[in-house]
Amino acid sequence: MDNKNNTEMKRSSNAETVLSQINHQTKLGDLRKMAKDIKKDHELAMELWSSGEYVARLLAVLIMNKKLLSQDLLNQLDRDMQTHPLDERNNIVDWLMANQLSKDKETIALMESWEHSSSALQRRIFWYYQARLRWMGKTPPDNTEYLLSAIEANIAEEEPEVQWAMNFTAGWIGIYDETYRSRCIEIGERTGLYKDDMVSKGCTPDYLPEFISIEVNKRMNK
């Protein structure tokens, strides 16, 4: 048996070993510990991803090589995520954005090109990344006026997973930029998005007037 086949067998065995150690009850912190031990292993990541299992795909995201995340591969991952329920695919794609796509100039450029993608998940990433720049305290690009105009024009008709990310972006703009605060609050009042949603104790509501007020007060009272 040649070395290539030996390598393939070892990889396959490695993937089976990892898969045997995780299940739907595995915590995200435990996945991060496993990923730290594995380090970057794109081939193993693709094997774990091909299992179709939710937790395995979260772990796969952590050990991918961001330099290999081309638009074609991301399109395939996008199609694969469509097999998951809405909450799961949103969690996977958000995990992908935070742990891989936001870490490299080339993948950041891809995200910034997805505002009008035919994929709702890619549009979600575009908006979530814009929100994350502000949420993480990074200096955002000079595009706030443009983003708010796009949100005002399109949020009502967008897919639910994209609506949430657009709303989140408006929220963090309103929190950090007093110039636009009343405008962001008005978006929430006009759309009524998430107004009647129940939230767990200690969690911030997504309804923009409440979200912005609570987060602004937190920062004023520090």
Protein backbone atom coordinates (compact mmCIF):
# COMPACT_ATOMS: atom_id res chain seq x y z
CA MET A 1 0.00 0.00 0.00
CA ASP A 2 1.52 3.35 -0.99
CA ASN A 3 2.02 6.34 1.27
CA LYS A 4 -0.95 8.20 -0.19
CA ASN A 5 -3.35 5.45 0.81
CA ASN A 6 -1.76 5.17 4.24
CA THR A 7 -2.27 8.90 4.74
CA GLU A 8 -5.89 8.66 3.65
CA MET A 9 -6.51 5.78 6.06
CA LYS A 10 -4.91 7.67 8.92
CA ARG A 11 -7.00 10.75 8.15
CA SER A 12 -10.19 8.71 7.98
CA SER A 13 -9.34 6.97 11.24
CA ASN A 14 -8.50 10.31 12.83
CA ALA A 15 -11.85 11.74 11.79
CA GLU A 16 -13.72 8.75 13.19
CA THR A 17 -11.85 9.12 16.48
CA VAL A 18 -12.76 12.80 16.73
CA LEU A 19 -16.38 12.13 15.79
CA SER A 20 -16.62 9.51 18.53
CA GLN A 21 -15.63 12.14 21.09
CA ILE A 22 -18.36 14.68 20.33
CA ASN A 23 -22.15 14.73 20.27
CA HIS A 24 -25.04 17.17 20.43
CA GLN A 25 -24.35 17.79 24.13
CA THR A 26 -20.71 18.82 23.61
CA LYS A 27 -20.18 22.39 24.81
CA LEU A 28 -18.62 25.10 22.66
CA GLY A 29 -15.80 25.53 25.16
CA ASP A 30 -14.94 21.85 24.82
CA LEU A 31 -14.87 22.21 21.04
CA ARG A 32 -12.42 25.09 21.39
CA LYS A 33 -10.17 22.96 23.61
CA MET A 34 -10.24 20.14 21.06
CA ALA A 35 -9.46 22.57 18.25
CA LYS A 36 -6.52 23.96 20.21
CA ASP A 37 -5.10 20.45 20.53
CA ILE A 38 -5.73 19.58 16.87
CA LYS A 39 -4.48 22.94 15.56
CA LYS A 40 -5.11 23.76 11.88
CA ASP A 41 -5.95 20.67 9.84
CA HIS A 42 -7.97 21.53 6.76
CA GLU A 43 -8.21 17.97 5.50
CA LEU A 44 -9.57 16.76 8.82
CA ALA A 45 -11.92 19.75 8.89
CA MET A 46 -13.39 18.72 5.55
CA GLU A 47 -13.83 15.15 6.76
CA LEU A 48 -15.64 16.34 9.88
CA TRP A 49 -17.73 18.70 7.79
CA SER A 50 -18.74 15.88 5.43
CA SER A 51 -20.34 14.02 8.37
CA GLY A 52 -23.22 16.48 8.16
CA GLU A 53 -23.41 16.67 11.95
CA TYR A 54 -23.99 20.07 13.52
CA VAL A 55 -21.39 19.85 16.29
CA ALA A 56 -18.84 18.27 13.95
CA ARG A 57 -19.28 21.18 11.57
CA LEU A 58 -18.72 23.69 14.38
CA LEU A 59 -15.46 21.93 15.22
CA ALA A 60 -14.53 21.77 11.54
CA VAL A 61 -14.88 25.54 11.30
CA LEU A 62 -12.33 26.00 14.08
CA ILE A 63 -9.60 23.93 12.41
CA MET A 64 -10.06 25.07 8.80
CA ASN A 65 -7.25 26.85 7.00
CA LYS A 66 -8.63 30.31 6.23
CA LYS A 67 -6.20 30.64 3.31
CA LEU A 68 -8.08 27.83 1.55
CA LEU A 69 -11.54 29.36 1.94
CA SER A 70 -12.18 30.38 -1.66
CA GLN A 71 -15.51 31.69 -2.91
CA ASP A 72 -16.18 28.31 -4.56
CA LEU A 73 -15.57 26.39 -1.34
CA LEU A 74 -17.65 28.84 0.66
CA ASN A 75 -20.49 28.43 -1.82
CA GLN A 76 -20.32 24.66 -1.25
CA LEU A 77 -20.29 25.09 2.53
CA ASP A 78 -23.29 27.40 2.12
CA ARG A 79 -25.20 24.73 0.20
CA ASP A 80 -24.31 22.15 2.84
CA MET A 81 -25.60 24.39 5.63
CA GLN A 82 -29.02 24.51 3.99
CA THR A 83 -29.60 20.97 5.34
CA HIS A 84 -29.69 22.34 8.91
CA PRO A 85 -32.60 24.00 10.72
CA LEU A 86 -32.51 27.79 10.66
CA ASP A 87 -30.98 28.25 14.12
CA GLU A 88 -28.23 25.71 13.44
CA ARG A 89 -27.22 27.13 10.07
CA ASN A 90 -27.19 30.66 11.48
CA ASN A 91 -24.95 29.48 14.32
CA ILE A 92 -22.57 27.69 11.94
CA VAL A 93 -22.26 30.62 9.56
CA ASP A 94 -21.79 33.12 12.41
CA TRP A 95 -19.11 30.83 13.90
CA LEU A 96 -17.45 30.71 10.47
CA MET A 97 -17.46 34.49 10.19
CA ALA A 98 -16.08 35.09 13.67
CA ASN A 99 -13.43 32.36 13.71
CA GLN A 100 -12.21 32.33 10.11
CA LEU A 101 -13.57 34.88 7.66
CA SER A 102 -12.85 37.93 9.83
CA LYS A 103 -9.22 36.86 10.32
CA ASP A 104 -7.84 37.32 6.80
CA LYS A 105 -7.80 40.22 4.33
CA GLU A 106 -8.89 38.06 1.41
CA THR A 107 -11.90 36.57 3.19
CA ILE A 108 -12.81 39.99 4.60
CA ALA A 109 -12.88 41.25 1.02
CA LEU A 110 -15.21 38.36 0.12
CA MET A 111 -17.56 39.22 2.99
CA GLU A 112 -17.63 42.85 1.95
CA SER A 113 -18.73 41.79 -1.54
CA TRP A 114 -21.76 39.82 -0.32
CA GLU A 115 -24.29 42.58 0.32
CA HIS A 116 -26.26 41.58 -2.78
CA SER A 117 -25.33 37.88 -2.87
CA SER A 118 -28.04 35.48 -3.99
CA SER A 119 -27.31 33.56 -0.77
CA ALA A 120 -29.19 34.73 2.32
CA LEU A 121 -26.41 33.33 4.51
CA GLN A 122 -23.79 35.34 2.69
CA ARG A 123 -25.92 38.47 2.96
CA ARG A 124 -26.26 37.74 6.69
CA ILE A 125 -22.49 37.55 6.99
CA PHE A 126 -22.07 40.87 5.18
CA TRP A 127 -24.32 42.60 7.71
CA TYR A 128 -23.13 40.72 10.77
CA TYR A 129 -19.54 41.63 9.94
CA GLN A 130 -20.49 45.33 9.71
CA ALA A 131 -22.14 45.06 13.12
CA ARG A 132 -19.19 43.18 14.57
CA LEU A 133 -16.74 45.92 13.59
CA ARG A 134 -18.67 48.30 15.82
CA TRP A 135 -19.54 45.77 18.53
CA MET A 136 -15.86 44.79 18.90
CA GLY A 137 -14.85 48.43 19.22
CA LYS A 138 -12.92 48.51 15.95
CA THR A 139 -12.90 51.63 13.81
CA PRO A 140 -15.63 50.98 11.25
CA PRO A 141 -15.30 51.96 7.61
CA ASP A 142 -16.84 55.27 6.61
CA ASN A 143 -20.02 53.65 5.34
CA THR A 144 -22.54 54.25 8.14
CA GLU A 145 -24.80 56.54 6.13
CA TYR A 146 -24.86 54.05 3.26
CA LEU A 147 -25.59 51.10 5.57
CA LEU A 148 -28.48 52.86 7.29
CA SER A 149 -30.01 53.87 3.97
CA ALA A 150 -29.78 50.26 2.77
CA ILE A 151 -31.31 48.99 6.02
CA GLU A 152 -34.18 51.46 5.82
CA ALA A 153 -34.89 50.50 2.21
CA ASN A 154 -34.56 46.73 2.46
CA ILE A 155 -34.91 45.31 5.96
CA ALA A 156 -38.68 44.79 5.80
CA GLU A 157 -38.44 42.53 2.74
CA GLU A 158 -35.31 40.58 3.70
CA GLU A 159 -35.08 36.95 4.77
CA PRO A 160 -35.34 36.46 8.56
CA GLU A 161 -31.68 35.49 8.98
CA VAL A 162 -30.61 38.65 7.12
CA GLN A 163 -33.15 40.86 8.88
CA TRP A 164 -31.64 39.97 12.24
CA ALA A 165 -28.12 40.91 11.12
CA MET A 166 -29.31 44.19 9.57
CA ASN A 167 -31.19 44.99 12.78
CA PHE A 168 -28.08 44.13 14.80
CA THR A 169 -26.02 46.48 12.66
CA ALA A 170 -28.50 49.32 13.15
CA GLY A 171 -28.42 48.62 16.87
CA TRP A 172 -24.67 48.95 17.20
CA ILE A 173 -24.58 52.02 14.99
CA GLY A 174 -27.15 53.63 17.31
CA ILE A 175 -25.22 52.63 20.41
CA TYR A 176 -21.84 53.98 19.32
CA ASP A 177 -22.80 56.91 17.07
CA GLU A 178 -25.09 59.41 18.75
CA THR A 179 -25.51 61.25 15.45
CA TYR A 180 -27.51 58.33 14.08
CA ARG A 181 -29.14 57.11 17.31
CA SER A 182 -32.62 58.51 16.82
CA ARG A 183 -32.64 57.28 13.24
CA CYS A 184 -31.77 53.76 14.35
CA ILE A 185 -34.46 53.82 17.02
CA GLU A 186 -36.97 54.96 14.40
CA ILE A 187 -36.11 51.94 12.23
CA GLY A 188 -37.15 49.70 15.09
CA GLU A 189 -40.33 51.65 15.76
CA ARG A 190 -41.30 51.63 12.09
CA THR A 191 -40.61 47.95 11.41
CA GLY A 192 -41.69 46.64 14.81
CA LEU A 193 -39.16 43.83 14.44
CA TYR A 194 -38.73 41.78 17.64
CA LYS A 195 -40.98 44.17 19.60
CA ASP A 196 -42.99 41.43 21.28
CA ASP A 197 -40.24 38.82 21.57
CA MET A 198 -39.66 37.33 25.00
CA VAL A 199 -36.02 37.27 26.11
CA SER A 200 -34.28 35.30 28.82
CA LYS A 201 -33.29 37.03 32.05
CA GLY A 202 -30.07 38.96 31.59
CA CYS A 203 -30.36 39.04 27.79
CA THR A 204 -30.79 42.24 25.79
CA PRO A 205 -33.91 42.48 23.60
CA ASP A 206 -33.41 42.76 19.82
CA TYR A 207 -36.13 45.45 19.51
CA LEU A 208 -34.05 48.47 18.56
CA PRO A 209 -35.46 51.11 20.93
CA GLU A 210 -34.91 48.80 23.91
CA PHE A 211 -31.63 47.35 22.64
CA ILE A 212 -30.05 50.75 22.06
CA SER A 213 -31.36 52.26 25.32
CA ILE A 214 -30.10 49.36 27.45
CA GLU A 215 -26.65 49.20 25.84
CA VAL A 216 -26.16 52.98 25.92
CA ASN A 217 -27.09 53.06 29.63
CA LYS A 218 -24.60 50.25 30.35
CA ARG A 219 -21.81 52.33 28.86
CA MET A 220 -22.87 55.54 30.58
CA ASN A 221 -22.97 53.85 33.99
CA LYS A 222 -19.55 52.23 33.79
